[in-house]
Amino acid sequence: LPALSFPVRLSSQGFPISLQLIGPFMKDQALLSIAHRICSTYQFPFLDLTKQN
């Protein structure tokens, strides 16, 4: 089964909250299309991982 996960927002503590999708057998393109629509809606912010605390 095709599956993917991607971040959709940050928690109040700044940690990414992710969504996992699992699609039907041999429906990879449909799953990617749905994920693209969701990602376009949520527009997860860029995280600068080089910044030191």
PDB file of N, CA and C in Angstrom:
ATOM      1  N   LEU A   1       0.835  -1.186   0.000  1.00  0.00           N
ATOM      2  CA  LEU A   1       0.000   0.000   0.000  1.00  0.00           C
ATOM      3  C   LEU A   1       0.879   1.247   0.000  1.00  0.00           C
ATOM      4  N   PRO A   2       0.547   2.230  -0.802  1.00  0.00           N
ATOM      5  CA  PRO A   2       1.317   3.471  -0.778  1.00  0.00           C
ATOM      6  C   PRO A   2       0.985   4.267   0.488  1.00  0.00           C
ATOM      7  N   ALA A   3       2.000   4.847   1.073  1.00  0.00           N
ATOM      8  CA  ALA A   3       1.808   5.642   2.288  1.00  0.00           C
ATOM      9  C   ALA A   3       2.811   6.781   2.296  1.00  0.00           C
ATOM     10  N   LEU A   4       2.439   7.860   2.943  1.00  0.00           N
ATOM     11  CA  LEU A   4       3.351   8.982   3.120  1.00  0.00           C
ATOM     12  C   LEU A   4       2.931   9.774   4.338  1.00  0.00           C
ATOM     13  N   SER A   5       3.860  10.521   4.864  1.00  0.00           N
ATOM     14  CA  SER A   5       3.558  11.413   5.978  1.00  0.00           C
ATOM     15  C   SER A   5       4.253  12.743   5.724  1.00  0.00           C
ATOM     16  N   PHE A   6       3.660  13.803   6.231  1.00  0.00           N
ATOM     17  CA  PHE A   6       4.200  15.137   6.024  1.00  0.00           C
ATOM     18  C   PHE A   6       3.704  16.053   7.136  1.00  0.00           C
ATOM     19  N   PRO A   7       4.496  17.064   7.488  1.00  0.00           N
ATOM     20  CA  PRO A   7       4.092  17.993   8.540  1.00  0.00           C
ATOM     21  C   PRO A   7       2.995  18.930   8.037  1.00  0.00           C
ATOM     22  N   VAL A   8       2.061  19.257   8.936  1.00  0.00           N
ATOM     23  CA  VAL A   8       0.981  20.173   8.556  1.00  0.00           C
ATOM     24  C   VAL A   8       0.948  21.443   9.407  1.00  0.00           C
ATOM     25  N   ARG A   9       1.522  21.386  10.610  1.00  0.00           N
ATOM     26  CA  ARG A   9       1.562  22.572  11.464  1.00  0.00           C
ATOM     27  C   ARG A   9       2.545  22.360  12.594  1.00  0.00           C
ATOM     28  N   LEU A  10       2.747  23.388  13.387  1.00  0.00           N
ATOM     29  CA  LEU A  10       3.616  23.293  14.557  1.00  0.00           C
ATOM     30  C   LEU A  10       2.771  23.295  15.822  1.00  0.00           C
ATOM     31  N   SER A  11       3.204  22.524  16.813  1.00  0.00           N
ATOM     32  CA  SER A  11       2.520  22.520  18.101  1.00  0.00           C
ATOM     33  C   SER A  11       2.829  23.824  18.837  1.00  0.00           C
ATOM     34  N   SER A  12       2.179  24.030  19.965  1.00  0.00           N
ATOM     35  CA  SER A  12       2.441  25.246  20.745  1.00  0.00           C
ATOM     36  C   SER A  12       3.873  25.275  21.277  1.00  0.00           C
ATOM     37  N   GLN A  13       4.532  24.101  21.336  1.00  0.00           N
ATOM     38  CA  GLN A  13       5.926  24.032  21.764  1.00  0.00           C
ATOM     39  C   GLN A  13       6.894  24.121  20.587  1.00  0.00           C
ATOM     40  N   GLY A  14       6.379  24.248  19.372  1.00  0.00           N
ATOM     41  CA  GLY A  14       7.229  24.384  18.196  1.00  0.00           C
ATOM     42  C   GLY A  14       7.605  23.086  17.510  1.00  0.00           C
ATOM     43  N   PHE A  15       6.976  21.980  17.902  1.00  0.00           N
ATOM     44  CA  PHE A  15       7.260  20.694  17.272  1.00  0.00           C
ATOM     45  C   PHE A  15       6.320  20.459  16.096  1.00  0.00           C
ATOM     46  N   PRO A  16       6.799  19.817  15.028  1.00  0.00           N
ATOM     47  CA  PRO A  16       5.924  19.560  13.883  1.00  0.00           C
ATOM     48  C   PRO A  16       4.870  18.498  14.198  1.00  0.00           C
ATOM     49  N   ILE A  17       3.660  18.767  13.766  1.00  0.00           N
ATOM     50  CA  ILE A  17       2.564  17.799  13.842  1.00  0.00           C
ATOM     51  C   ILE A  17       2.359  17.292  12.426  1.00  0.00           C
ATOM     52  N   SER A  18       2.386  15.977  12.271  1.00  0.00           N
ATOM     53  CA  SER A  18       2.344  15.387  10.929  1.00  0.00           C
ATOM     54  C   SER A  18       1.045  14.646  10.673  1.00  0.00           C
ATOM     55  N   LEU A  19       0.777  14.452   9.415  1.00  0.00           N
ATOM     56  CA  LEU A  19      -0.374  13.690   8.950  1.00  0.00           C
ATOM     57  C   LEU A  19       0.161  12.512   8.154  1.00  0.00           C
ATOM     58  N   GLN A  20      -0.385  11.328   8.398  1.00  0.00           N
ATOM     59  CA  GLN A  20       0.019  10.149   7.643  1.00  0.00           C
ATOM     60  C   GLN A  20      -1.168   9.683   6.815  1.00  0.00           C
ATOM     61  N   LEU A  21      -0.922   9.450   5.532  1.00  0.00           N
ATOM     62  CA  LEU A  21      -1.955   8.965   4.623  1.00  0.00           C
ATOM     63  C   LEU A  21      -1.554   7.599   4.080  1.00  0.00           C
ATOM     64  N   ILE A  22      -2.526   6.710   3.975  1.00  0.00           N
ATOM     65  CA  ILE A  22      -2.317   5.392   3.380  1.00  0.00           C
ATOM     66  C   ILE A  22      -3.364   5.234   2.291  1.00  0.00           C
ATOM     67  N   GLY A  23      -2.911   4.905   1.093  1.00  0.00           N
ATOM     68  CA  GLY A  23      -3.812   4.787  -0.045  1.00  0.00           C
ATOM     69  C   GLY A  23      -4.071   3.344  -0.433  1.00  0.00           C
ATOM     70  N   PRO A  24      -5.005   3.141  -1.342  1.00  0.00           N
ATOM     71  CA  PRO A  24      -5.296   1.802  -1.836  1.00  0.00           C
ATOM     72  C   PRO A  24      -4.147   1.256  -2.691  1.00  0.00           C
ATOM     73  N   PHE A  25      -4.110  -0.021  -2.840  1.00  0.00           N
ATOM     74  CA  PHE A  25      -3.103  -0.713  -3.636  1.00  0.00           C
ATOM     75  C   PHE A  25      -3.039  -0.131  -5.045  1.00  0.00           C
ATOM     76  N   MET A  26      -1.813   0.192  -5.481  1.00  0.00           N
ATOM     77  CA  MET A  26      -1.538   0.694  -6.829  1.00  0.00           C
ATOM     78  C   MET A  26      -2.176   2.058  -7.129  1.00  0.00           C
ATOM     79  N   LYS A  27      -2.463   2.841  -6.113  1.00  0.00           N
ATOM     80  CA  LYS A  27      -3.064   4.170  -6.301  1.00  0.00           C
ATOM     81  C   LYS A  27      -2.114   5.261  -5.814  1.00  0.00           C
ATOM     82  N   ASP A  28      -0.827   5.094  -6.137  1.00  0.00           N
ATOM     83  CA  ASP A  28       0.195   6.048  -5.701  1.00  0.00           C
ATOM     84  C   ASP A  28      -0.109   7.465  -6.181  1.00  0.00           C
ATOM     85  N   GLN A  29      -0.475   7.609  -7.443  1.00  0.00           N
ATOM     86  CA  GLN A  29      -0.713   8.936  -8.006  1.00  0.00           C
ATOM     87  C   GLN A  29      -1.889   9.627  -7.323  1.00  0.00           C
ATOM     88  N   ALA A  30      -2.939   8.883  -7.011  1.00  0.00           N
ATOM     89  CA  ALA A  30      -4.089   9.470  -6.317  1.00  0.00           C
ATOM     90  C   ALA A  30      -3.677   9.957  -4.927  1.00  0.00           C
ATOM     91  N   LEU A  31      -2.875   9.173  -4.235  1.00  0.00           N
ATOM     92  CA  LEU A  31      -2.403   9.557  -2.907  1.00  0.00           C
ATOM     93  C   LEU A  31      -1.540  10.814  -2.974  1.00  0.00           C
ATOM     94  N   LEU A  32      -0.646  10.872  -3.945  1.00  0.00           N
ATOM     95  CA  LEU A  32       0.197  12.059  -4.109  1.00  0.00           C
ATOM     96  C   LEU A  32      -0.633  13.294  -4.445  1.00  0.00           C
ATOM     97  N   SER A  33      -1.674  13.124  -5.234  1.00  0.00           N
ATOM     98  CA  SER A  33      -2.548  14.239  -5.591  1.00  0.00           C
ATOM     99  C   SER A  33      -3.271  14.780  -4.357  1.00  0.00           C
ATOM    100  N   ILE A  34      -3.776  13.881  -3.537  1.00  0.00           N
ATOM    101  CA  ILE A  34      -4.459  14.293  -2.308  1.00  0.00           C
ATOM    102  C   ILE A  34      -3.478  14.993  -1.373  1.00  0.00           C
ATOM    103  N   ALA A  35      -2.291  14.431  -1.230  1.00  0.00           N
ATOM    104  CA  ALA A  35      -1.274  15.034  -0.364  1.00  0.00           C
ATOM    105  C   ALA A  35      -0.890  16.426  -0.858  1.00  0.00           C
ATOM    106  N   HIS A  36      -0.786  16.589  -2.159  1.00  0.00           N
ATOM    107  CA  HIS A  36      -0.446  17.902  -2.724  1.00  0.00           C
ATOM    108  C   HIS A  36      -1.515  18.932  -2.375  1.00  0.00           C
ATOM    109  N   ARG A  37      -2.780  18.547  -2.475  1.00  0.00           N
ATOM    110  CA  ARG A  37      -3.864  19.478  -2.128  1.00  0.00           C
ATOM    111  C   ARG A  37      -3.825  19.853  -0.652  1.00  0.00           C
ATOM    112  N   ILE A  38      -3.559  18.870   0.195  1.00  0.00           N
ATOM    113  CA  ILE A  38      -3.486  19.148   1.630  1.00  0.00           C
ATOM    114  C   ILE A  38      -2.301  20.059   1.934  1.00  0.00           C
ATOM    115  N   CYS A  39      -1.144  19.753   1.376  1.00  0.00           N
ATOM    116  CA  CYS A  39       0.055  20.575   1.615  1.00  0.00           C
ATOM    117  C   CYS A  39      -0.141  22.000   1.114  1.00  0.00           C
ATOM    118  N   SER A  40      -0.831  22.160   0.001  1.00  0.00           N
ATOM    119  CA  SER A  40      -1.096  23.499  -0.533  1.00  0.00           C
ATOM    120  C   SER A  40      -2.006  24.285   0.399  1.00  0.00           C
ATOM    121  N   THR A  41      -2.910  23.599   1.075  1.00  0.00           N
ATOM    122  CA  THR A  41      -3.841  24.246   1.990  1.00  0.00           C
ATOM    123  C   THR A  41      -3.149  24.669   3.278  1.00  0.00           C
ATOM    124  N   TYR A  42      -2.329  23.793   3.847  1.00  0.00           N
ATOM    125  CA  TYR A  42      -1.707  24.069   5.137  1.00  0.00           C
ATOM    126  C   TYR A  42      -0.443  24.909   5.042  1.00  0.00           C
ATOM    127  N   GLN A  43       0.300  24.820   3.967  1.00  0.00           N
ATOM    128  CA  GLN A  43       1.525  25.595   3.760  1.00  0.00           C
ATOM    129  C   GLN A  43       2.405  25.604   5.011  1.00  0.00           C
ATOM    130  N   PHE A  44       2.961  24.447   5.318  1.00  0.00           N
ATOM    131  CA  PHE A  44       3.825  24.281   6.486  1.00  0.00           C
ATOM    132  C   PHE A  44       4.987  25.263   6.429  1.00  0.00           C
ATOM    133  N   PRO A  45       5.299  25.936   7.543  1.00  0.00           N
ATOM    134  CA  PRO A  45       6.368  26.941   7.537  1.00  0.00           C
ATOM    135  C   PRO A  45       7.751  26.314   7.390  1.00  0.00           C
ATOM    136  N   PHE A  46       8.654  27.045   6.778  1.00  0.00           N
ATOM    137  CA  PHE A  46      10.043  26.618   6.649  1.00  0.00           C
ATOM    138  C   PHE A  46      10.702  26.662   8.024  1.00  0.00           C
ATOM    139  N   LEU A  47      11.406  25.601   8.374  1.00  0.00           N
ATOM    140  CA  LEU A  47      12.122  25.564   9.645  1.00  0.00           C
ATOM    141  C   LEU A  47      13.611  25.732   9.383  1.00  0.00           C
ATOM    142  N   ASP A  48      14.220  26.718  10.004  1.00  0.00           N
ATOM    143  CA  ASP A  48      15.655  26.941   9.862  1.00  0.00           C
ATOM    144  C   ASP A  48      16.383  26.067  10.879  1.00  0.00           C
ATOM    145  N   LEU A  49      16.881  24.921  10.432  1.00  0.00           N
ATOM    146  CA  LEU A  49      17.537  23.974  11.328  1.00  0.00           C
ATOM    147  C   LEU A  49      18.982  24.346  11.624  1.00  0.00           C
ATOM    148  N   THR A  50      19.487  25.381  10.970  1.00  0.00           N
ATOM    149  CA  THR A  50      20.866  25.807  11.224  1.00  0.00           C
ATOM    150  C   THR A  50      20.953  26.793  12.385  1.00  0.00           C
ATOM    151  N   LYS A  51      19.820  27.316  12.819  1.00  0.00           N
ATOM    152  CA  LYS A  51      19.793  28.314  13.889  1.00  0.00           C
ATOM    153  C   LYS A  51      20.076  27.649  15.239  1.00  0.00           C
ATOM    154  N   GLN A  52      20.975  28.230  16.011  1.00  0.00           N
ATOM    155  CA  GLN A  52      21.319  27.719  17.338  1.00  0.00           C
ATOM    156  C   GLN A  52      20.423  28.366  18.379  1.00  0.00           C
ATOM    157  N   ASN A  53      20.050  27.588  19.405  1.00  0.00           N
ATOM    158  CA  ASN A  53      19.231  28.128  20.508  1.00  0.00           C
ATOM    159  C   ASN A  53      20.089  28.861  21.495  1.00  0.00           C
TER     160      ASN A  53
END
